[in-house]
PDB file of N, CA and C in Angstrom:
ATOM      1  N   MET A   1      20.901  -1.616   8.567  1.00  0.00           N
ATOM      2  CA  MET A   1      19.539  -1.160   8.745  1.00  0.00           C
ATOM      3  C   MET A   1      18.901  -0.875   7.377  1.00  0.00           C
ATOM      4  N   GLU A   2      17.652  -1.228   7.267  1.00  0.00           N
ATOM      5  CA  GLU A   2      16.925  -1.084   6.012  1.00  0.00           C
ATOM      6  C   GLU A   2      16.536   0.378   5.770  1.00  0.00           C
ATOM      7  N   GLU A   3      16.690   0.840   4.537  1.00  0.00           N
ATOM      8  CA  GLU A   3      16.327   2.208   4.184  1.00  0.00           C
ATOM      9  C   GLU A   3      14.810   2.333   4.116  1.00  0.00           C
ATOM     10  N   LYS A   4      14.274   3.428   4.645  1.00  0.00           N
ATOM     11  CA  LYS A   4      12.827   3.648   4.633  1.00  0.00           C
ATOM     12  C   LYS A   4      12.489   4.829   3.746  1.00  0.00           C
ATOM     13  N   ARG A   5      11.314   4.805   3.189  1.00  0.00           N
ATOM     14  CA  ARG A   5      10.805   5.887   2.350  1.00  0.00           C
ATOM     15  C   ARG A   5       9.592   6.501   3.036  1.00  0.00           C
ATOM     16  N   VAL A   6       9.452   7.789   2.912  1.00  0.00           N
ATOM     17  CA  VAL A   6       8.307   8.500   3.471  1.00  0.00           C
ATOM     18  C   VAL A   6       7.610   9.217   2.324  1.00  0.00           C
ATOM     19  N   ILE A   7       6.306   9.008   2.214  1.00  0.00           N
ATOM     20  CA  ILE A   7       5.530   9.710   1.199  1.00  0.00           C
ATOM     21  C   ILE A   7       4.404  10.451   1.895  1.00  0.00           C
ATOM     22  N   GLU A   8       4.021  11.585   1.339  1.00  0.00           N
ATOM     23  CA  GLU A   8       2.888  12.335   1.869  1.00  0.00           C
ATOM     24  C   GLU A   8       1.733  12.176   0.904  1.00  0.00           C
ATOM     25  N   VAL A   9       0.599  11.768   1.433  1.00  0.00           N
ATOM     26  CA  VAL A   9      -0.606  11.597   0.628  1.00  0.00           C
ATOM     27  C   VAL A   9      -1.759  12.263   1.354  1.00  0.00           C
ATOM     28  N   ASP A  10      -2.755  12.683   0.585  1.00  0.00           N
ATOM     29  CA  ASP A  10      -3.933  13.247   1.232  1.00  0.00           C
ATOM     30  C   ASP A  10      -4.882  12.108   1.614  1.00  0.00           C
ATOM     31  N   GLU A  11      -5.981  12.471   2.241  1.00  0.00           N
ATOM     32  CA  GLU A  11      -6.907  11.454   2.750  1.00  0.00           C
ATOM     33  C   GLU A  11      -7.465  10.570   1.640  1.00  0.00           C
ATOM     34  N   TYR A  12      -7.791  11.177   0.501  1.00  0.00           N
ATOM     35  CA  TYR A  12      -8.314  10.416  -0.629  1.00  0.00           C
ATOM     36  C   TYR A  12      -7.281   9.394  -1.123  1.00  0.00           C
ATOM     37  N   GLN A  13      -6.045   9.821  -1.263  1.00  0.00           N
ATOM     38  CA  GLN A  13      -4.984   8.936  -1.737  1.00  0.00           C
ATOM     39  C   GLN A  13      -4.739   7.805  -0.743  1.00  0.00           C
ATOM     40  N   GLN A  14      -4.815   8.098   0.545  1.00  0.00           N
ATOM     41  CA  GLN A  14      -4.632   7.056   1.550  1.00  0.00           C
ATOM     42  C   GLN A  14      -5.736   6.006   1.436  1.00  0.00           C
ATOM     43  N   ARG A  15      -6.978   6.459   1.274  1.00  0.00           N
ATOM     44  CA  ARG A  15      -8.090   5.502   1.116  1.00  0.00           C
ATOM     45  C   ARG A  15      -7.900   4.654  -0.135  1.00  0.00           C
ATOM     46  N   LEU A  16      -7.412   5.272  -1.226  1.00  0.00           N
ATOM     47  CA  LEU A  16      -7.158   4.542  -2.464  1.00  0.00           C
ATOM     48  C   LEU A  16      -6.105   3.458  -2.253  1.00  0.00           C
ATOM     49  N   ILE A  17      -5.037   3.790  -1.560  1.00  0.00           N
ATOM     50  CA  ILE A  17      -3.977   2.818  -1.266  1.00  0.00           C
ATOM     51  C   ILE A  17      -4.520   1.685  -0.404  1.00  0.00           C
ATOM     52  N   ILE A  18      -5.287   2.035   0.630  1.00  0.00           N
ATOM     53  CA  ILE A  18      -5.847   1.023   1.526  1.00  0.00           C
ATOM     54  C   ILE A  18      -6.778   0.092   0.756  1.00  0.00           C
ATOM     55  N   ASN A  19      -7.647   0.650  -0.080  1.00  0.00           N
ATOM     56  CA  ASN A  19      -8.576  -0.186  -0.855  1.00  0.00           C
ATOM     57  C   ASN A  19      -7.832  -1.092  -1.834  1.00  0.00           C
ATOM     58  N   SER A  20      -6.789  -0.582  -2.455  1.00  0.00           N
ATOM     59  CA  SER A  20      -6.002  -1.392  -3.394  1.00  0.00           C
ATOM     60  C   SER A  20      -5.292  -2.535  -2.678  1.00  0.00           C
ATOM     61  N   LEU A  21      -4.705  -2.227  -1.527  1.00  0.00           N
ATOM     62  CA  LEU A  21      -4.031  -3.278  -0.755  1.00  0.00           C
ATOM     63  C   LEU A  21      -5.032  -4.316  -0.265  1.00  0.00           C
ATOM     64  N   ASN A  22      -6.209  -3.870   0.135  1.00  0.00           N
ATOM     65  CA  ASN A  22      -7.228  -4.810   0.598  1.00  0.00           C
ATOM     66  C   ASN A  22      -7.699  -5.705  -0.546  1.00  0.00           C
ATOM     67  N   ASP A  23      -7.851  -5.130  -1.745  1.00  0.00           N
ATOM     68  CA  ASP A  23      -8.217  -5.941  -2.914  1.00  0.00           C
ATOM     69  C   ASP A  23      -7.144  -6.993  -3.189  1.00  0.00           C
ATOM     70  N   LYS A  24      -5.873  -6.597  -3.123  1.00  0.00           N
ATOM     71  CA  LYS A  24      -4.768  -7.533  -3.345  1.00  0.00           C
ATOM     72  C   LYS A  24      -4.785  -8.635  -2.292  1.00  0.00           C
ATOM     73  N   ARG A  25      -5.034  -8.247  -1.037  1.00  0.00           N
ATOM     74  CA  ARG A  25      -5.093  -9.227   0.048  1.00  0.00           C
ATOM     75  C   ARG A  25      -6.216 -10.243  -0.206  1.00  0.00           C
ATOM     76  N   ASN A  26      -7.370  -9.748  -0.638  1.00  0.00           N
ATOM     77  CA  ASN A  26      -8.495 -10.636  -0.931  1.00  0.00           C
ATOM     78  C   ASN A  26      -8.157 -11.609  -2.062  1.00  0.00           C
ATOM     79  N   GLU A  27      -7.454 -11.129  -3.079  1.00  0.00           N
ATOM     80  CA  GLU A  27      -7.024 -12.012  -4.173  1.00  0.00           C
ATOM     81  C   GLU A  27      -6.115 -13.117  -3.653  1.00  0.00           C
ATOM     82  N   LEU A  28      -5.173 -12.747  -2.794  1.00  0.00           N
ATOM     83  CA  LEU A  28      -4.243 -13.736  -2.246  1.00  0.00           C
ATOM     84  C   LEU A  28      -4.974 -14.758  -1.369  1.00  0.00           C
ATOM     85  N   VAL A  29      -5.949 -14.302  -0.606  1.00  0.00           N
ATOM     86  CA  VAL A  29      -6.729 -15.220   0.234  1.00  0.00           C
ATOM     87  C   VAL A  29      -7.476 -16.214  -0.653  1.00  0.00           C
ATOM     88  N   GLU A  30      -8.084 -15.716  -1.741  1.00  0.00           N
ATOM     89  CA  GLU A  30      -8.797 -16.597  -2.673  1.00  0.00           C
ATOM     90  C   GLU A  30      -7.871 -17.636  -3.292  1.00  0.00           C
ATOM     91  N   GLN A  31      -6.625 -17.239  -3.541  1.00  0.00           N
ATOM     92  CA  GLN A  31      -5.639 -18.143  -4.140  1.00  0.00           C
ATOM     93  C   GLN A  31      -4.928 -18.990  -3.086  1.00  0.00           C
ATOM     94  N   GLU A  32      -5.342 -18.814  -1.836  1.00  0.00           N
ATOM     95  CA  GLU A  32      -4.741 -19.533  -0.703  1.00  0.00           C
ATOM     96  C   GLU A  32      -3.231 -19.314  -0.645  1.00  0.00           C
ATOM     97  N   ARG A  33      -2.815 -18.067  -0.876  1.00  0.00           N
ATOM     98  CA  ARG A  33      -1.405 -17.688  -0.805  1.00  0.00           C
ATOM     99  C   ARG A  33      -1.191 -16.835   0.442  1.00  0.00           C
ATOM    100  N   PRO A  34       0.033 -16.761   0.936  1.00  0.00           N
ATOM    101  CA  PRO A  34       0.294 -15.969   2.147  1.00  0.00           C
ATOM    102  C   PRO A  34       0.026 -14.471   1.920  1.00  0.00           C
ATOM    103  N   THR A  35      -0.490 -13.824   2.957  1.00  0.00           N
ATOM    104  CA  THR A  35      -0.825 -12.405   2.868  1.00  0.00           C
ATOM    105  C   THR A  35       0.006 -11.562   3.836  1.00  0.00           C
ATOM    106  N   ASP A  36       1.029 -12.150   4.426  1.00  0.00           N
ATOM    107  CA  ASP A  36       1.791 -11.476   5.479  1.00  0.00           C
ATOM    108  C   ASP A  36       2.328 -10.111   5.055  1.00  0.00           C
ATOM    109  N   PHE A  37       2.955 -10.027   3.898  1.00  0.00           N
ATOM    110  CA  PHE A  37       3.561  -8.772   3.469  1.00  0.00           C
ATOM    111  C   PHE A  37       2.496  -7.709   3.190  1.00  0.00           C
ATOM    112  N   VAL A  38       1.413  -8.113   2.554  1.00  0.00           N
ATOM    113  CA  VAL A  38       0.332  -7.170   2.264  1.00  0.00           C
ATOM    114  C   VAL A  38      -0.322  -6.721   3.569  1.00  0.00           C
ATOM    115  N   ASP A  39      -0.516  -7.640   4.496  1.00  0.00           N
ATOM    116  CA  ASP A  39      -1.100  -7.296   5.798  1.00  0.00           C
ATOM    117  C   ASP A  39      -0.249  -6.247   6.515  1.00  0.00           C
ATOM    118  N   GLU A  40       1.046  -6.438   6.480  1.00  0.00           N
ATOM    119  CA  GLU A  40       1.964  -5.524   7.158  1.00  0.00           C
ATOM    120  C   GLU A  40       1.873  -4.107   6.570  1.00  0.00           C
ATOM    121  N   VAL A  41       1.903  -4.014   5.256  1.00  0.00           N
ATOM    122  CA  VAL A  41       1.843  -2.700   4.610  1.00  0.00           C
ATOM    123  C   VAL A  41       0.458  -2.080   4.793  1.00  0.00           C
ATOM    124  N   LEU A  42      -0.573  -2.896   4.754  1.00  0.00           N
ATOM    125  CA  LEU A  42      -1.933  -2.406   4.961  1.00  0.00           C
ATOM    126  C   LEU A  42      -2.077  -1.782   6.347  1.00  0.00           C
ATOM    127  N   LEU A  43      -1.570  -2.454   7.361  1.00  0.00           N
ATOM    128  CA  LEU A  43      -1.642  -1.916   8.721  1.00  0.00           C
ATOM    129  C   LEU A  43      -0.807  -0.648   8.871  1.00  0.00           C
ATOM    130  N   LEU A  44       0.354  -0.620   8.250  1.00  0.00           N
ATOM    131  CA  LEU A  44       1.179   0.592   8.301  1.00  0.00           C
ATOM    132  C   LEU A  44       0.460   1.772   7.652  1.00  0.00           C
ATOM    133  N   THR A  45      -0.217   1.510   6.565  1.00  0.00           N
ATOM    134  CA  THR A  45      -0.930   2.566   5.855  1.00  0.00           C
ATOM    135  C   THR A  45      -2.130   3.064   6.659  1.00  0.00           C
ATOM    136  N   ILE A  46      -2.856   2.138   7.269  1.00  0.00           N
ATOM    137  CA  ILE A  46      -4.016   2.517   8.078  1.00  0.00           C
ATOM    138  C   ILE A  46      -3.578   3.334   9.292  1.00  0.00           C
ATOM    139  N   ASP A  47      -2.493   2.922   9.933  1.00  0.00           N
ATOM    140  CA  ASP A  47      -2.035   3.556  11.163  1.00  0.00           C
ATOM    141  C   ASP A  47      -1.044   4.696  10.936  1.00  0.00           C
ATOM    142  N   ALA A  48      -0.840   5.106   9.705  1.00  0.00           N
ATOM    143  CA  ALA A  48       0.145   6.156   9.406  1.00  0.00           C
ATOM    144  C   ALA A  48      -0.236   7.448  10.120  1.00  0.00           C
ATOM    145  N   PRO A  49       0.749   8.090  10.736  1.00  0.00           N
ATOM    146  CA  PRO A  49       0.460   9.345  11.431  1.00  0.00           C
ATOM    147  C   PRO A  49       0.131  10.456  10.445  1.00  0.00           C
ATOM    148  N   THR A  50      -0.622  11.427  10.919  1.00  0.00           N
ATOM    149  CA  THR A  50      -0.940  12.569  10.079  1.00  0.00           C
ATOM    150  C   THR A  50      -0.031  13.729  10.448  1.00  0.00           C
ATOM    151  N   ARG A  51       0.204  14.576   9.490  1.00  0.00           N
ATOM    152  CA  ARG A  51       1.025  15.763   9.727  1.00  0.00           C
ATOM    153  C   ARG A  51       0.171  16.975   9.386  1.00  0.00           C
ATOM    154  N   ARG A  52       0.052  17.846  10.343  1.00  0.00           N
ATOM    155  CA  ARG A  52      -0.704  19.084  10.129  1.00  0.00           C
ATOM    156  C   ARG A  52       0.236  20.136   9.567  1.00  0.00           C
ATOM    157  N   HIS A  53      -0.191  20.791   8.510  1.00  0.00           N
ATOM    158  CA  HIS A  53       0.607  21.851   7.912  1.00  0.00           C
ATOM    159  C   HIS A  53       0.288  23.169   8.596  1.00  0.00           C
ATOM    160  N   LYS A  54       1.277  23.965   8.753  1.00  0.00           N
ATOM    161  CA  LYS A  54       1.063  25.292   9.305  1.00  0.00           C
ATOM    162  C   LYS A  54       0.338  26.140   8.272  1.00  0.00           C
ATOM    163  N   LYS A  55      -0.430  27.112   8.737  1.00  0.00           N
ATOM    164  CA  LYS A  55      -1.198  27.955   7.815  1.00  0.00           C
ATOM    165  C   LYS A  55      -0.276  28.692   6.846  1.00  0.00           C
ATOM    166  N   ARG A  56       0.909  29.071   7.290  1.00  0.00           N
ATOM    167  CA  ARG A  56       1.835  29.775   6.421  1.00  0.00           C
ATOM    168  C   ARG A  56       2.238  28.902   5.232  1.00  0.00           C
ATOM    169  N   GLU A  57       2.437  27.591   5.454  1.00  0.00           N
ATOM    170  CA  GLU A  57       2.810  26.692   4.378  1.00  0.00           C
ATOM    171  C   GLU A  57       1.674  26.556   3.379  1.00  0.00           C
ATOM    172  N   GLU A  58       0.430  26.571   3.872  1.00  0.00           N
ATOM    173  CA  GLU A  58      -0.716  26.433   2.972  1.00  0.00           C
ATOM    174  C   GLU A  58      -0.854  27.659   2.067  1.00  0.00           C
ATOM    175  N   LYS A  59      -0.521  28.849   2.590  1.00  0.00           N
ATOM    176  CA  LYS A  59      -0.622  30.064   1.797  1.00  0.00           C
ATOM    177  C   LYS A  59       0.412  30.083   0.683  1.00  0.00           C
ATOM    178  N   GLU A  60       1.546  29.427   0.882  1.00  0.00           N
ATOM    179  CA  GLU A  60       2.619  29.394  -0.115  1.00  0.00           C
ATOM    180  C   GLU A  60       2.260  28.546  -1.318  1.00  0.00           C
ATOM    181  N   ARG A  61       1.343  27.644  -1.175  1.00  0.00           N
ATOM    182  CA  ARG A  61       0.972  26.723  -2.260  1.00  0.00           C
ATOM    183  C   ARG A  61       0.118  27.370  -3.265  1.00  0.00           C
TER     184      ARG A  61
END
């Protein structure tokens, strides 16, 4: 089984990742190269679940 990584990002960082992946996808389309891997990661990033922090955790920061 393949090892997976989990990262926590805020909303701004998620939008930045999505925009960067979309730019890369557009470059590949222009070059007529396959976009399958970028498409997969882009969809995973868009559909990533959110995690709500408890108020106690926010006070600790």
